[in-house]
């Protein structure tokens, strides 16, 4: 099978079921941003500074994001469960116990791994916005939105955790 089909050369693509949509349709933007997010998570997982169990969790999340991308492309079941959301929350709580209390806004950055996590967090927030933009024409399972929202919380906490692990102080926002 060839990787190129030439069927998208005119700016349209097919979703599950064969329907053709413009490549900039809200639905395509949504699952394309999920794919972009998964790529950023792959970068986090590949980083030597990422420890277990976070690396394993990142790979699990990538699989769930693939399910969500397929769902947004027309697969009937998003295959995201309450347990998947709870897994993120449990990890957030475990990392949060090791973090100093948050009293100010922090600036993205610190260690390279934390900076990568912040970039992934912002892509995750964009993915959430893109999914929400499909709502006028597409019914989206509530667990999909909850999962993406919780994932951005996880990435924020992970970024802070990475800085603590690397013993790099957080940079706090200072009103100028």
C-alpha atoms as a PDB file:
ATOM      1  CA  UNK A   1       0.000   0.000   0.000  1.00  0.00           C
ATOM      2  CA  UNK A   2       1.385   3.396  -0.960  1.00  0.00           C
ATOM      3  CA  UNK A   3       1.531   6.125   1.667  1.00  0.00           C
ATOM      4  CA  UNK A   4       0.314   8.704  -0.822  1.00  0.00           C
ATOM      5  CA  UNK A   5      -3.153   8.437  -2.361  1.00  0.00           C
ATOM      6  CA  UNK A   6      -3.434  11.839  -4.079  1.00  0.00           C
ATOM      7  CA  UNK A   7      -7.078  11.982  -2.940  1.00  0.00           C
ATOM      8  CA  UNK A   8      -6.349  14.956  -0.682  1.00  0.00           C
ATOM      9  CA  UNK A   9      -4.546  17.052  -3.254  1.00  0.00           C
ATOM     10  CA  UNK A  10      -7.572  19.317  -3.710  1.00  0.00           C
ATOM     11  CA  UNK A  11      -7.919  20.134   0.006  1.00  0.00           C
ATOM     12  CA  UNK A  12     -10.382  17.466   1.127  1.00  0.00           C
ATOM     13  CA  UNK A  13      -9.972  14.320   3.179  1.00  0.00           C
ATOM     14  CA  UNK A  14     -12.102  11.297   4.050  1.00  0.00           C
ATOM     15  CA  UNK A  15     -13.360  10.411   7.491  1.00  0.00           C
ATOM     16  CA  UNK A  16     -14.615   7.037   8.703  1.00  0.00           C
ATOM     17  CA  UNK A  17     -17.527   6.018   6.499  1.00  0.00           C
ATOM     18  CA  UNK A  18     -16.104   7.718   3.409  1.00  0.00           C
ATOM     19  CA  UNK A  19     -17.553  11.211   3.873  1.00  0.00           C
ATOM     20  CA  UNK A  20     -15.284  13.889   2.354  1.00  0.00           C
ATOM     21  CA  UNK A  21     -14.615  17.062   4.325  1.00  0.00           C
ATOM     22  CA  UNK A  22     -12.438  20.116   3.757  1.00  0.00           C
ATOM     23  CA  UNK A  23      -9.104  19.693   5.518  1.00  0.00           C
ATOM     24  CA  UNK A  24      -9.829  22.788   7.592  1.00  0.00           C
ATOM     25  CA  UNK A  25     -13.229  21.555   8.842  1.00  0.00           C
ATOM     26  CA  UNK A  26     -13.692  21.798  12.614  1.00  0.00           C
ATOM     27  CA  UNK A  27     -13.752  18.028  12.946  1.00  0.00           C
ATOM     28  CA  UNK A  28     -10.489  17.609  11.022  1.00  0.00           C
ATOM     29  CA  UNK A  29      -8.888  20.415  13.056  1.00  0.00           C
ATOM     30  CA  UNK A  30      -9.984  18.643  16.249  1.00  0.00           C
ATOM     31  CA  UNK A  31      -8.485  15.255  15.493  1.00  0.00           C
ATOM     32  CA  UNK A  32      -5.451  16.833  13.845  1.00  0.00           C
ATOM     33  CA  UNK A  33      -4.734  18.724  17.061  1.00  0.00           C
ATOM     34  CA  UNK A  34      -5.178  15.501  19.035  1.00  0.00           C
ATOM     35  CA  UNK A  35      -2.530  13.966  16.763  1.00  0.00           C
ATOM     36  CA  UNK A  36      -0.240  16.952  17.346  1.00  0.00           C
ATOM     37  CA  UNK A  37      -0.734  16.576  21.101  1.00  0.00           C
ATOM     38  CA  UNK A  38       0.146  12.888  20.925  1.00  0.00           C
ATOM     39  CA  UNK A  39       3.368  13.791  19.109  1.00  0.00           C
ATOM     40  CA  UNK A  40       4.309  16.169  21.921  1.00  0.00           C
ATOM     41  CA  UNK A  41       3.583  13.431  24.454  1.00  0.00           C
ATOM     42  CA  UNK A  42       5.859  11.122  22.465  1.00  0.00           C
ATOM     43  CA  UNK A  43       8.596  13.721  22.834  1.00  0.00           C
ATOM     44  CA  UNK A  44       8.008  13.802  26.606  1.00  0.00           C
ATOM     45  CA  UNK A  45       8.038  10.010  26.840  1.00  0.00           C
ATOM     46  CA  UNK A  46      11.268   9.796  24.800  1.00  0.00           C
ATOM     47  CA  UNK A  47      13.084  12.320  26.975  1.00  0.00           C
ATOM     48  CA  UNK A  48      15.672  10.579  29.185  1.00  0.00           C
ATOM     49  CA  UNK A  49      14.633  12.820  32.097  1.00  0.00           C
ATOM     50  CA  UNK A  50      11.129  11.304  32.109  1.00  0.00           C
ATOM     51  CA  UNK A  51      10.939   8.704  34.849  1.00  0.00           C
ATOM     52  CA  UNK A  52       8.661   5.748  35.384  1.00  0.00           C
ATOM     53  CA  UNK A  53       5.706   5.625  36.019  1.00  0.00           C
ATOM     54  CA  UNK A  54       5.166   8.857  34.047  1.00  0.00           C
ATOM     55  CA  UNK A  55       6.678   7.377  30.859  1.00  0.00           C
ATOM     56  CA  UNK A  56       4.278   4.428  31.032  1.00  0.00           C
ATOM     57  CA  UNK A  57       1.365   6.769  31.684  1.00  0.00           C
ATOM     58  CA  UNK A  58       2.332   8.954  28.719  1.00  0.00           C
ATOM     59  CA  UNK A  59       2.284   5.915  26.428  1.00  0.00           C
ATOM     60  CA  UNK A  60      -1.139   4.917  27.799  1.00  0.00           C
ATOM     61  CA  UNK A  61      -2.378   8.464  27.185  1.00  0.00           C
ATOM     62  CA  UNK A  62      -1.090   8.349  23.594  1.00  0.00           C
ATOM     63  CA  UNK A  63      -3.159   5.216  23.001  1.00  0.00           C
ATOM     64  CA  UNK A  64      -6.251   6.899  24.438  1.00  0.00           C
ATOM     65  CA  UNK A  65      -5.620   9.971  22.276  1.00  0.00           C
ATOM     66  CA  UNK A  66      -5.479   7.692  19.241  1.00  0.00           C
ATOM     67  CA  UNK A  67      -8.904   6.355  20.283  1.00  0.00           C
ATOM     68  CA  UNK A  68     -10.197   9.928  20.633  1.00  0.00           C
ATOM     69  CA  UNK A  69      -8.811  10.895  17.226  1.00  0.00           C
ATOM     70  CA  UNK A  70     -10.538   7.905  15.662  1.00  0.00           C
ATOM     71  CA  UNK A  71     -13.750   8.797  17.459  1.00  0.00           C
ATOM     72  CA  UNK A  72     -13.625  12.358  16.132  1.00  0.00           C
ATOM     73  CA  UNK A  73     -13.046  10.872  12.664  1.00  0.00           C
ATOM     74  CA  UNK A  74     -16.206   8.781  12.954  1.00  0.00           C
ATOM     75  CA  UNK A  75     -15.458   5.628  14.970  1.00  0.00           C
ATOM     76  CA  UNK A  76     -18.601   5.210  17.118  1.00  0.00           C
ATOM     77  CA  UNK A  77     -16.957   4.564  20.519  1.00  0.00           C
ATOM     78  CA  UNK A  78     -14.298   6.889  21.975  1.00  0.00           C
ATOM     79  CA  UNK A  79     -13.108   4.060  24.248  1.00  0.00           C
ATOM     80  CA  UNK A  80     -12.407   6.488  27.109  1.00  0.00           C
ATOM     81  CA  UNK A  81     -13.568   5.411  30.538  1.00  0.00           C
ATOM     82  CA  UNK A  82     -14.041   6.950  33.952  1.00  0.00           C
ATOM     83  CA  UNK A  83     -11.067   4.804  35.013  1.00  0.00           C
ATOM     84  CA  UNK A  84      -8.903   6.574  32.430  1.00  0.00           C
ATOM     85  CA  UNK A  85      -9.859   9.934  33.930  1.00  0.00           C
ATOM     86  CA  UNK A  86      -9.284   8.624  37.459  1.00  0.00           C
ATOM     87  CA  UNK A  87      -5.821   7.366  36.431  1.00  0.00           C
ATOM     88  CA  UNK A  88      -4.855  10.938  35.495  1.00  0.00           C
ATOM     89  CA  UNK A  89      -6.327  12.323  38.717  1.00  0.00           C
ATOM     90  CA  UNK A  90      -4.465   9.761  40.829  1.00  0.00           C
ATOM     91  CA  UNK A  91      -1.203  10.693  39.134  1.00  0.00           C
ATOM     92  CA  UNK A  92      -1.910  14.417  39.587  1.00  0.00           C
ATOM     93  CA  UNK A  93      -2.548  13.859  43.293  1.00  0.00           C
ATOM     94  CA  UNK A  94       0.661  11.826  43.704  1.00  0.00           C
ATOM     95  CA  UNK A  95       2.805  14.472  42.009  1.00  0.00           C
ATOM     96  CA  UNK A  96       1.021  17.321  43.769  1.00  0.00           C
ATOM     97  CA  UNK A  97       1.941  15.912  47.187  1.00  0.00           C
ATOM     98  CA  UNK A  98       5.594  16.514  46.257  1.00  0.00           C
ATOM     99  CA  UNK A  99       5.103  20.092  45.057  1.00  0.00           C
ATOM    100  CA  UNK A 100       5.248  23.325  47.017  1.00  0.00           C
ATOM    101  CA  UNK A 101       1.859  25.015  47.405  1.00  0.00           C
ATOM    102  CA  UNK A 102       1.038  27.210  44.451  1.00  0.00           C
ATOM    103  CA  UNK A 103       0.597  30.824  45.543  1.00  0.00           C
ATOM    104  CA  UNK A 104       1.357  32.688  42.297  1.00  0.00           C
ATOM    105  CA  UNK A 105       1.025  32.173  38.579  1.00  0.00           C
ATOM    106  CA  UNK A 106       4.065  30.446  37.154  1.00  0.00           C
ATOM    107  CA  UNK A 107       5.720  31.121  33.828  1.00  0.00           C
ATOM    108  CA  UNK A 108       6.170  28.134  31.527  1.00  0.00           C
ATOM    109  CA  UNK A 109       9.723  26.858  31.567  1.00  0.00           C
ATOM    110  CA  UNK A 110      12.375  25.784  34.004  1.00  0.00           C
ATOM    111  CA  UNK A 111      13.935  22.502  32.980  1.00  0.00           C
ATOM    112  CA  UNK A 112      13.791  21.433  29.343  1.00  0.00           C
ATOM    113  CA  UNK A 113      11.381  18.637  30.255  1.00  0.00           C
ATOM    114  CA  UNK A 114       9.095  21.061  32.106  1.00  0.00           C
ATOM    115  CA  UNK A 115       9.164  23.440  29.140  1.00  0.00           C
ATOM    116  CA  UNK A 116       8.166  20.563  26.818  1.00  0.00           C
ATOM    117  CA  UNK A 117       5.342  19.645  29.194  1.00  0.00           C
ATOM    118  CA  UNK A 118       4.076  23.234  29.141  1.00  0.00           C
ATOM    119  CA  UNK A 119       4.071  23.218  25.340  1.00  0.00           C
ATOM    120  CA  UNK A 120       2.109  19.953  25.408  1.00  0.00           C
ATOM    121  CA  UNK A 121      -0.295  21.539  27.919  1.00  0.00           C
ATOM    122  CA  UNK A 122      -1.009  24.461  25.599  1.00  0.00           C
ATOM    123  CA  UNK A 123      -1.551  22.106  22.649  1.00  0.00           C
ATOM    124  CA  UNK A 124      -3.900  20.089  24.867  1.00  0.00           C
ATOM    125  CA  UNK A 125      -5.903  23.232  25.663  1.00  0.00           C
ATOM    126  CA  UNK A 126      -6.080  24.000  21.937  1.00  0.00           C
ATOM    127  CA  UNK A 127      -7.274  20.450  21.256  1.00  0.00           C
ATOM    128  CA  UNK A 128     -10.002  21.004  23.837  1.00  0.00           C
ATOM    129  CA  UNK A 129     -11.054  24.230  22.100  1.00  0.00           C
ATOM    130  CA  UNK A 130     -11.041  22.484  18.723  1.00  0.00           C
ATOM    131  CA  UNK A 131     -13.231  19.666  20.047  1.00  0.00           C
ATOM    132  CA  UNK A 132     -15.641  22.197  21.522  1.00  0.00           C
ATOM    133  CA  UNK A 133     -15.828  23.929  18.140  1.00  0.00           C
ATOM    134  CA  UNK A 134     -17.317  20.711  16.708  1.00  0.00           C
ATOM    135  CA  UNK A 135     -20.204  20.692  19.184  1.00  0.00           C
ATOM    136  CA  UNK A 136     -22.681  22.591  16.996  1.00  0.00           C
ATOM    137  CA  UNK A 137     -22.545  19.762  14.435  1.00  0.00           C
ATOM    138  CA  UNK A 138     -21.159  16.776  16.322  1.00  0.00           C
ATOM    139  CA  UNK A 139     -22.284  15.147  19.565  1.00  0.00           C
ATOM    140  CA  UNK A 140     -19.117  14.526  21.582  1.00  0.00           C
ATOM    141  CA  UNK A 141     -19.122  12.068  24.455  1.00  0.00           C
ATOM    142  CA  UNK A 142     -18.698  13.934  27.771  1.00  0.00           C
ATOM    143  CA  UNK A 143     -15.870  11.627  28.845  1.00  0.00           C
ATOM    144  CA  UNK A 144     -13.812  12.842  25.871  1.00  0.00           C
ATOM    145  CA  UNK A 145     -14.049  16.457  27.017  1.00  0.00           C
ATOM    146  CA  UNK A 146     -13.400  15.485  30.639  1.00  0.00           C
ATOM    147  CA  UNK A 147     -10.350  13.433  29.644  1.00  0.00           C
ATOM    148  CA  UNK A 148      -8.777  16.218  27.592  1.00  0.00           C
ATOM    149  CA  UNK A 149      -9.472  18.750  30.344  1.00  0.00           C
ATOM    150  CA  UNK A 150      -7.912  16.488  32.972  1.00  0.00           C
ATOM    151  CA  UNK A 151      -4.950  15.783  30.712  1.00  0.00           C
ATOM    152  CA  UNK A 152      -4.114  19.484  30.544  1.00  0.00           C
ATOM    153  CA  UNK A 153      -4.228  19.561  34.368  1.00  0.00           C
ATOM    154  CA  UNK A 154      -1.903  16.541  34.416  1.00  0.00           C
ATOM    155  CA  UNK A 155       0.547  18.227  32.030  1.00  0.00           C
ATOM    156  CA  UNK A 156       0.606  21.383  34.172  1.00  0.00           C
ATOM    157  CA  UNK A 157       1.284  19.353  37.298  1.00  0.00           C
ATOM    158  CA  UNK A 158       3.854  17.232  35.464  1.00  0.00           C
ATOM    159  CA  UNK A 159       5.714  20.372  34.361  1.00  0.00           C
ATOM    160  CA  UNK A 160       5.900  21.575  37.965  1.00  0.00           C
ATOM    161  CA  UNK A 161       6.936  18.093  39.105  1.00  0.00           C
ATOM    162  CA  UNK A 162       9.729  18.009  36.497  1.00  0.00           C
ATOM    163  CA  UNK A 163      11.166  21.240  37.866  1.00  0.00           C
ATOM    164  CA  UNK A 164      11.085  19.919  41.425  1.00  0.00           C
ATOM    165  CA  UNK A 165      12.773  16.688  40.322  1.00  0.00           C
ATOM    166  CA  UNK A 166      15.452  18.684  38.478  1.00  0.00           C
ATOM    167  CA  UNK A 167      15.790  21.045  41.458  1.00  0.00           C
ATOM    168  CA  UNK A 168      15.075  24.031  39.224  1.00  0.00           C
ATOM    169  CA  UNK A 169      13.020  26.803  40.814  1.00  0.00           C
ATOM    170  CA  UNK A 170       9.811  27.878  39.162  1.00  0.00           C
ATOM    171  CA  UNK A 171       9.649  31.312  37.591  1.00  0.00           C
ATOM    172  CA  UNK A 172       6.753  33.279  38.997  1.00  0.00           C
ATOM    173  CA  UNK A 173       4.799  35.857  37.040  1.00  0.00           C
ATOM    174  CA  UNK A 174       5.556  39.352  38.186  1.00  0.00           C
ATOM    175  CA  UNK A 175       3.245  42.085  37.073  1.00  0.00           C
ATOM    176  CA  UNK A 176       5.302  44.708  35.239  1.00  0.00           C
END
